Amino acid sequence: MMQRSGFLAWHRRLALLFAPLLLLQALTGAALLFREPLAGWLGPNASELPVRPVSDLARAAGSTGARLDRLFLPLGPGYPATAQMTGPDGHDVYAAIDPGSATLLRQGTILAFPLEAALQWHYRLMAGTAGLTVVALNAIALLLICGTGLRFWWPSKGRIVKALAINPRMPPRVRLRHWHRSGGVATAIVVLFSAMTGLLLVVPDLLPAGKSAQSAPVVTTGAQIDAAIDVAQRAFPHARIRDVRFPKADRLDINFLAPEDGPRSVHVVSVRLSQPELLKALPAEGNPVLWMKVLPLHAGDSFGLVGRLLLLAEALILAALAITGPLMWWQKRIRSK
């Protein structure tokens, strides 16, 4: 069995190796917990006029000269629609569109959309499959860091309170070590929860996906888009559109909000474009994908404002631990010289 000092050694090695990524994950995760209010604060702000047809929003996105890949409808009144596109040079392009007037409010690279950048950094480090792999390894490392730290700290019976105490009369470097220890122990359960749910979100996207049949691309008109949306809406007449995907094929994929099934659940509909025809209509309750159940847990939606505030505290403490850990290691190296 590993000695107590061995747990500390592994804790330090893993923490030092992953500290920069843990800090990035903690800060981007904190921002994403309150994405909707932050989006309203960062802007751009849109009019509160009735939302124009999807074809009008798609036409506004197309005026940038980029190919539209995905269109997110506004979060609510005053919020813009967001288009994800591919530019002529193959790079990602984004645009914010006023949903009431179908006019461009902002366009540019992902750096012009900080919350989208935070999401892409948090989930895949803006590096595709390689980024997903690193994020998965980071989640595994966080589980091990948390586990080895708890095992090293674990006190004998009746000494838990004393083992968490911070002596204000000790030298600053010792108080720093005490704060690091107590902060880590206090948030351990929530950190383990976040690491596990994060891993469950990433791993399915790393598994090989089956090849879907591809039809020949078609020239899409506004009338075709609106007709396809009408067909899709009939499948779920009372649901609101969350987003529309425009694959390089003769179809539209539409996700409808399904809050009755869960905070992040969606009904999935696919419609042929060339001759509007329903290809698939999958209700949220019959959708087997894992992310619809796990993401509300990871993002705190399942627990309301209290849950998000708890996860915010965890993220800020984790960010502090990612800084104080290397700082303690550096202080020790300086003293040993």
Protein backbone atom coordinates (compact mmCIF):
# COMPACT_ATOMS: atom_id res chain seq x y z
CA MET A 1 0.00 0.00 0.00
CA MET A 2 1.24 3.48 -0.84
CA GLN A 3 2.70 5.43 2.08
CA ARG A 4 1.13 8.73 3.13
CA SER A 5 4.05 10.67 1.65
CA GLY A 6 3.47 8.93 -1.66
CA PHE A 7 0.00 10.41 -1.92
CA LEU A 8 1.46 13.88 -1.36
CA ALA A 9 4.12 13.31 -4.02
CA TRP A 10 1.56 12.32 -6.65
CA HIS A 11 -0.71 15.16 -5.59
CA ARG A 12 2.08 17.69 -6.18
CA ARG A 13 3.23 16.22 -9.49
CA LEU A 14 -0.23 16.12 -11.03
CA ALA A 15 -1.19 19.52 -9.64
CA LEU A 16 1.95 21.19 -11.00
CA LEU A 17 1.50 19.57 -14.41
CA PHE A 18 -2.15 20.53 -14.79
CA ALA A 19 -2.23 23.81 -12.82
CA PRO A 20 -2.43 26.14 -15.87
CA LEU A 21 -5.25 24.11 -17.40
CA LEU A 22 -7.09 23.85 -14.08
CA LEU A 23 -6.91 27.62 -13.74
CA LEU A 24 -8.26 28.10 -17.26
CA GLN A 25 -11.07 25.59 -16.69
CA ALA A 26 -12.03 27.18 -13.39
CA LEU A 27 -12.20 30.73 -14.75
CA THR A 28 -14.04 29.87 -17.97
CA GLY A 29 -16.41 27.60 -16.04
CA ALA A 30 -17.18 30.43 -13.61
CA ALA A 31 -18.09 32.73 -16.51
CA LEU A 32 -20.29 30.11 -18.17
CA LEU A 33 -22.32 29.56 -14.99
CA PHE A 34 -23.87 32.98 -15.57
CA ARG A 35 -23.70 33.10 -19.34
CA GLU A 36 -27.14 34.63 -19.88
CA PRO A 37 -26.77 37.69 -17.60
CA LEU A 38 -23.18 38.18 -18.79
CA ALA A 39 -24.38 38.10 -22.41
CA GLY A 40 -26.84 40.89 -21.61
CA TRP A 41 -24.08 42.91 -19.95
CA LEU A 42 -21.40 42.36 -22.59
CA GLY A 43 -23.79 42.92 -25.50
CA PRO A 44 -24.49 43.60 -28.21
CA ASN A 45 -28.06 44.35 -27.22
CA ALA A 46 -30.89 43.78 -29.66
CA SER A 47 -34.37 45.14 -30.14
CA GLU A 48 -37.37 43.51 -28.49
CA LEU A 49 -39.37 43.36 -31.71
CA PRO A 50 -40.95 40.03 -32.75
CA VAL A 51 -38.37 37.57 -34.07
CA ARG A 52 -38.14 37.52 -37.86
CA PRO A 53 -38.35 34.22 -39.80
CA VAL A 54 -35.29 32.00 -39.72
CA SER A 55 -34.75 32.66 -43.44
CA ASP A 56 -34.29 36.39 -42.76
CA LEU A 57 -31.77 35.71 -40.01
CA ALA A 58 -29.95 33.23 -42.26
CA ARG A 59 -29.86 35.83 -45.04
CA ALA A 60 -28.33 38.38 -42.66
CA ALA A 61 -25.66 35.86 -41.67
CA GLY A 62 -24.99 35.08 -45.32
CA SER A 63 -24.34 38.76 -46.04
CA THR A 64 -20.97 38.34 -44.30
CA GLY A 65 -19.79 36.15 -47.18
CA ALA A 66 -19.36 33.15 -44.88
CA ARG A 67 -21.23 29.84 -45.00
CA LEU A 68 -23.84 29.48 -42.25
CA ASP A 69 -23.37 26.35 -40.15
CA ARG A 70 -25.56 26.97 -37.12
CA LEU A 71 -28.01 29.65 -36.02
CA PHE A 72 -28.96 30.14 -32.37
CA LEU A 73 -32.21 31.96 -31.77
CA PRO A 74 -32.17 34.70 -29.09
CA LEU A 75 -32.10 33.71 -25.43
CA GLY A 76 -34.96 36.11 -24.78
CA PRO A 77 -36.18 39.68 -25.49
CA GLY A 78 -33.29 42.06 -26.02
CA TYR A 79 -30.79 39.34 -26.87
CA PRO A 80 -29.34 38.82 -30.37
CA ALA A 81 -29.42 35.70 -32.48
CA THR A 82 -25.96 34.18 -32.96
CA ALA A 83 -24.64 32.64 -36.16
CA GLN A 84 -21.71 30.24 -36.37
CA MET A 85 -20.19 30.23 -39.85
CA THR A 86 -17.22 29.11 -41.92
CA GLY A 87 -15.39 31.84 -43.81
CA PRO A 88 -14.01 31.53 -47.36
CA ASP A 89 -10.58 30.79 -45.87
CA GLY A 90 -11.99 27.91 -43.79
CA HIS A 91 -11.77 29.74 -40.46
CA ASP A 92 -14.67 30.10 -38.04
CA VAL A 93 -16.67 33.32 -38.22
CA TYR A 94 -19.36 34.51 -35.83
CA ALA A 95 -22.11 37.10 -36.10
CA ALA A 96 -24.68 38.64 -33.76
CA ILE A 97 -27.95 39.47 -35.51
CA ASP A 98 -30.82 41.64 -34.33
CA PRO A 99 -33.71 39.13 -34.41
CA GLY A 100 -36.34 41.85 -34.87
CA SER A 101 -34.77 43.62 -37.85
CA ALA A 102 -32.47 40.87 -39.21
CA THR A 103 -29.52 43.28 -39.27
CA LEU A 104 -25.93 42.51 -38.30
CA LEU A 105 -24.90 43.84 -34.90
CA ARG A 106 -21.40 42.39 -34.70
CA GLN A 107 -19.26 40.01 -36.74
CA GLY A 108 -15.76 38.66 -36.49
CA THR A 109 -13.65 35.85 -35.13
CA ILE A 110 -14.42 34.08 -31.89
CA LEU A 111 -12.34 36.68 -30.04
CA ALA A 112 -15.12 39.21 -30.71
CA PHE A 113 -17.50 36.92 -28.78
CA PRO A 114 -15.87 36.34 -25.36
CA LEU A 115 -18.53 34.02 -23.95
CA GLU A 116 -18.38 31.77 -27.01
CA ALA A 117 -14.59 31.82 -26.65
CA ALA A 118 -14.94 30.82 -22.99
CA LEU A 119 -17.18 27.90 -23.98
CA GLN A 120 -14.78 26.66 -26.65
CA TRP A 121 -11.76 26.98 -24.36
CA HIS A 122 -13.61 25.23 -21.53
CA TYR A 123 -14.87 22.33 -23.62
CA ARG A 124 -12.20 21.64 -26.24
CA LEU A 125 -9.42 24.23 -25.83
CA MET A 126 -10.29 25.42 -29.35
CA ALA A 127 -8.33 22.43 -30.61
CA GLY A 128 -10.89 19.90 -31.87
CA THR A 129 -10.41 16.26 -30.89
CA ALA A 130 -6.94 16.94 -29.49
CA GLY A 131 -8.39 19.57 -27.20
CA LEU A 132 -11.17 17.23 -26.08
CA THR A 133 -8.56 14.60 -25.22
CA VAL A 134 -6.57 17.05 -23.11
CA VAL A 135 -9.74 18.21 -21.32
CA ALA A 136 -10.63 14.56 -20.57
CA LEU A 137 -7.13 13.98 -19.19
CA ASN A 138 -7.50 17.14 -17.12
CA ALA A 139 -10.74 15.81 -15.59
CA ILE A 140 -9.06 12.49 -14.74
CA ALA A 141 -6.11 14.36 -13.25
CA LEU A 142 -8.46 16.49 -11.16
CA LEU A 143 -10.11 13.35 -9.77
CA LEU A 144 -6.67 12.00 -8.83
CA ILE A 145 -5.46 15.33 -7.42
CA CYS A 146 -8.55 15.58 -5.26
CA GLY A 147 -8.36 11.95 -4.15
CA THR A 148 -4.64 12.00 -3.28
CA GLY A 149 -5.01 15.33 -1.50
CA LEU A 150 -7.86 14.03 0.64
CA ARG A 151 -5.99 10.80 1.39
CA PHE A 152 -2.88 12.70 2.50
CA TRP A 153 -4.92 15.07 4.68
CA TRP A 154 -7.31 12.53 6.21
CA PRO A 155 -6.99 12.90 10.01
CA SER A 156 -7.56 10.41 12.76
CA LYS A 157 -10.98 10.17 14.38
CA GLY A 158 -12.06 13.29 16.27
CA ARG A 159 -9.38 15.55 14.74
CA ILE A 160 -11.18 16.80 11.61
CA VAL A 161 -11.87 20.30 12.97
CA LYS A 162 -8.30 20.67 14.21
CA ALA A 163 -6.98 19.39 10.86
CA LEU A 164 -8.84 22.22 9.09
CA ALA A 165 -7.79 24.98 11.49
CA ILE A 166 -5.74 27.94 10.24
CA ASN A 167 -3.39 29.41 12.86
CA PRO A 168 -3.12 33.20 12.28
CA ARG A 169 0.08 33.36 14.35
CA MET A 170 2.03 31.14 11.98
CA PRO A 171 4.38 32.59 9.31
CA PRO A 172 2.72 33.63 6.02
CA ARG A 173 4.05 30.63 4.10
CA VAL A 174 2.55 28.25 6.69
CA ARG A 175 -0.78 30.10 6.66
CA LEU A 176 -0.76 29.83 2.87
CA ARG A 177 -0.32 26.08 3.16
CA HIS A 178 -3.16 25.91 5.67
CA TRP A 179 -5.48 27.94 3.44
CA HIS A 180 -4.60 25.71 0.48
CA ARG A 181 -5.30 22.56 2.49
CA SER A 182 -8.56 23.78 4.05
CA GLY A 183 -9.87 25.24 0.79
CA GLY A 184 -9.18 22.00 -1.02
CA VAL A 185 -10.84 19.85 1.62
CA ALA A 186 -13.88 22.13 1.92
CA THR A 187 -14.60 21.96 -1.82
CA ALA A 188 -13.48 18.37 -2.43
CA ILE A 189 -16.94 16.87 -2.88
CA VAL A 190 -18.06 19.57 -5.32
CA VAL A 191 -14.76 19.36 -7.22
CA LEU A 192 -15.12 15.59 -7.57
CA PHE A 193 -18.69 16.11 -8.80
CA SER A 194 -17.60 18.68 -11.41
CA ALA A 195 -14.71 16.54 -12.61
CA MET A 196 -16.88 13.45 -12.99
CA THR A 197 -19.74 15.21 -14.79
CA GLY A 198 -17.23 17.00 -17.02
CA LEU A 199 -15.64 13.69 -17.95
CA LEU A 200 -19.07 12.23 -18.78
CA LEU A 201 -19.69 15.16 -21.13
CA VAL A 202 -16.38 14.90 -22.97
CA VAL A 203 -15.87 11.14 -23.36
CA PRO A 204 -18.89 10.48 -25.66
CA ASP A 205 -17.54 13.04 -28.14
CA LEU A 206 -14.23 11.17 -28.21
CA LEU A 207 -15.88 7.89 -29.20
CA PRO A 208 -16.07 7.08 -32.93
CA ALA A 209 -19.35 8.26 -34.43
CA GLY A 210 -21.17 6.26 -37.05
CA LYS A 211 -21.13 7.68 -40.56
CA SER A 212 -24.40 9.31 -41.52
CA ALA A 213 -25.69 9.16 -45.06
CA GLN A 214 -24.92 12.34 -46.99
CA SER A 215 -27.03 13.67 -49.82
CA ALA A 216 -25.87 16.11 -52.45
CA PRO A 217 -25.81 19.76 -51.34
CA VAL A 218 -28.59 21.93 -52.72
CA VAL A 219 -28.93 25.63 -53.37
CA THR A 220 -30.98 26.80 -50.40
CA THR A 221 -33.56 29.56 -50.74
CA GLY A 222 -35.36 31.49 -48.03
CA ALA A 223 -38.65 29.90 -49.05
CA GLN A 224 -37.16 26.40 -48.62
CA ILE A 225 -35.85 27.27 -45.17
CA ASP A 226 -39.17 28.65 -44.00
CA ALA A 227 -41.06 25.69 -45.44
CA ALA A 228 -38.71 23.28 -43.65
CA ILE A 229 -39.14 25.19 -40.38
CA ASP A 230 -42.93 24.97 -40.76
CA VAL A 231 -42.73 21.19 -41.20
CA ALA A 232 -40.48 20.89 -38.16
CA GLN A 233 -42.71 23.10 -36.04
CA ARG A 234 -45.71 20.91 -36.77
CA ALA A 235 -43.89 18.03 -35.08
CA PHE A 236 -43.68 20.06 -31.84
CA PRO A 237 -46.20 22.88 -32.27
CA HIS A 238 -45.81 24.41 -28.81
CA ALA A 239 -42.00 24.25 -28.57
CA ARG A 240 -39.64 27.15 -29.19
CA ILE A 241 -36.64 26.79 -31.51
CA ARG A 242 -33.28 26.78 -29.76
CA ASP A 243 -31.05 26.48 -32.81
CA VAL A 244 -30.97 25.42 -36.45
CA ARG A 245 -28.10 23.52 -38.08
CA PHE A 246 -27.33 23.84 -41.77
CA PRO A 247 -25.30 20.73 -42.69
CA LYS A 248 -23.72 20.33 -46.11
CA ALA A 249 -26.65 18.24 -47.22
CA ASP A 250 -30.25 18.45 -48.36
CA ARG A 251 -31.70 18.94 -44.87
CA LEU A 252 -32.10 21.18 -41.86
CA ASP A 253 -31.61 19.97 -38.28
CA ILE A 254 -33.71 21.88 -35.76
CA ASN A 255 -33.48 21.66 -31.97
CA PHE A 256 -36.57 22.71 -30.00
CA LEU A 257 -36.41 23.62 -26.32
CA ALA A 258 -37.99 20.97 -24.08
CA PRO A 259 -37.86 22.39 -20.52
CA GLU A 260 -40.53 19.94 -19.39
CA ASP A 261 -37.92 17.16 -19.73
CA GLY A 262 -34.95 19.07 -18.28
CA PRO A 263 -33.20 22.45 -18.26
CA ARG A 264 -31.04 21.63 -21.31
CA SER A 265 -33.27 19.10 -23.08
CA VAL A 266 -34.24 19.47 -26.73
CA HIS A 267 -36.55 17.82 -29.23
CA VAL A 268 -34.55 16.99 -32.38
CA VAL A 269 -36.10 17.32 -35.84
CA SER A 270 -34.57 16.82 -39.31
CA VAL A 271 -36.36 18.03 -42.44
CA ARG A 272 -35.51 17.62 -46.11
CA LEU A 273 -34.94 20.99 -47.79
CA SER A 274 -35.48 20.38 -51.50
CA GLN A 275 -39.01 19.11 -50.93
CA PRO A 276 -39.99 19.80 -47.31
CA GLU A 277 -40.41 16.39 -45.74
CA LEU A 278 -40.00 15.22 -42.17
CA LEU A 279 -36.98 12.92 -41.87
CA LYS A 280 -36.79 12.55 -38.08
CA ALA A 281 -38.66 13.79 -35.03
CA LEU A 282 -37.11 12.63 -31.76
CA PRO A 283 -38.79 13.88 -28.57
CA ALA A 284 -36.51 14.81 -25.69
CA GLU A 285 -37.82 12.05 -23.43
CA GLY A 286 -36.81 9.45 -26.02
CA ASN A 287 -33.38 10.89 -26.75
CA PRO A 288 -30.64 8.64 -25.31
CA VAL A 289 -27.80 11.21 -25.46
CA LEU A 290 -26.02 11.59 -22.12
CA TRP A 291 -25.31 15.33 -22.27
CA MET A 292 -28.97 16.35 -21.85
CA LYS A 293 -28.97 14.77 -18.37
CA VAL A 294 -25.39 15.52 -17.33
CA LEU A 295 -24.94 19.10 -18.58
CA PRO A 296 -27.63 20.57 -16.26
CA LEU A 297 -25.77 18.96 -13.35
CA HIS A 298 -22.36 20.18 -14.49
CA ALA A 299 -23.63 23.72 -15.18
CA GLY A 300 -25.72 23.96 -12.02
CA ASP A 301 -29.05 24.35 -13.83
CA SER A 302 -30.54 21.42 -11.92
CA PHE A 303 -30.03 23.21 -8.60
CA GLY A 304 -31.20 26.74 -9.42
CA LEU A 305 -29.39 29.89 -8.27
CA VAL A 306 -28.10 28.23 -5.09
CA GLY A 307 -26.44 25.50 -7.15
CA ARG A 308 -24.82 27.97 -9.51
CA LEU A 309 -23.52 30.06 -6.61
CA LEU A 310 -22.07 26.91 -5.00
CA LEU A 311 -20.35 25.98 -8.26
CA LEU A 312 -19.10 29.57 -8.61
CA ALA A 313 -17.52 29.36 -5.17
CA GLU A 314 -15.97 26.02 -6.15
CA ALA A 315 -14.58 27.48 -9.39
CA LEU A 316 -13.02 30.48 -7.61
CA ILE A 317 -11.49 28.30 -4.90
CA LEU A 318 -10.16 25.88 -7.53
CA ALA A 319 -8.60 28.84 -9.36
CA ALA A 320 -6.97 29.93 -6.08
CA LEU A 321 -5.69 26.39 -5.46
CA ALA A 322 -4.19 26.27 -8.97
CA ILE A 323 -2.22 29.40 -8.09
CA THR A 324 -1.28 28.71 -4.47
CA GLY A 325 -0.13 25.14 -5.17
CA PRO A 326 2.68 26.12 -7.59
CA LEU A 327 3.47 29.12 -5.36
CA MET A 328 4.04 26.82 -2.36
CA TRP A 329 6.21 24.53 -4.51
CA TRP A 330 8.29 27.52 -5.63
CA GLN A 331 8.67 28.80 -2.07
CA LYS A 332 9.91 25.37 -1.00
CA ARG A 333 12.47 25.30 -3.81
CA ILE A 334 13.75 28.74 -2.82
CA ARG A 335 14.12 27.71 0.83
CA SER A 336 15.95 24.50 -0.10
CA LYS A 337 18.67 26.34 -2.04
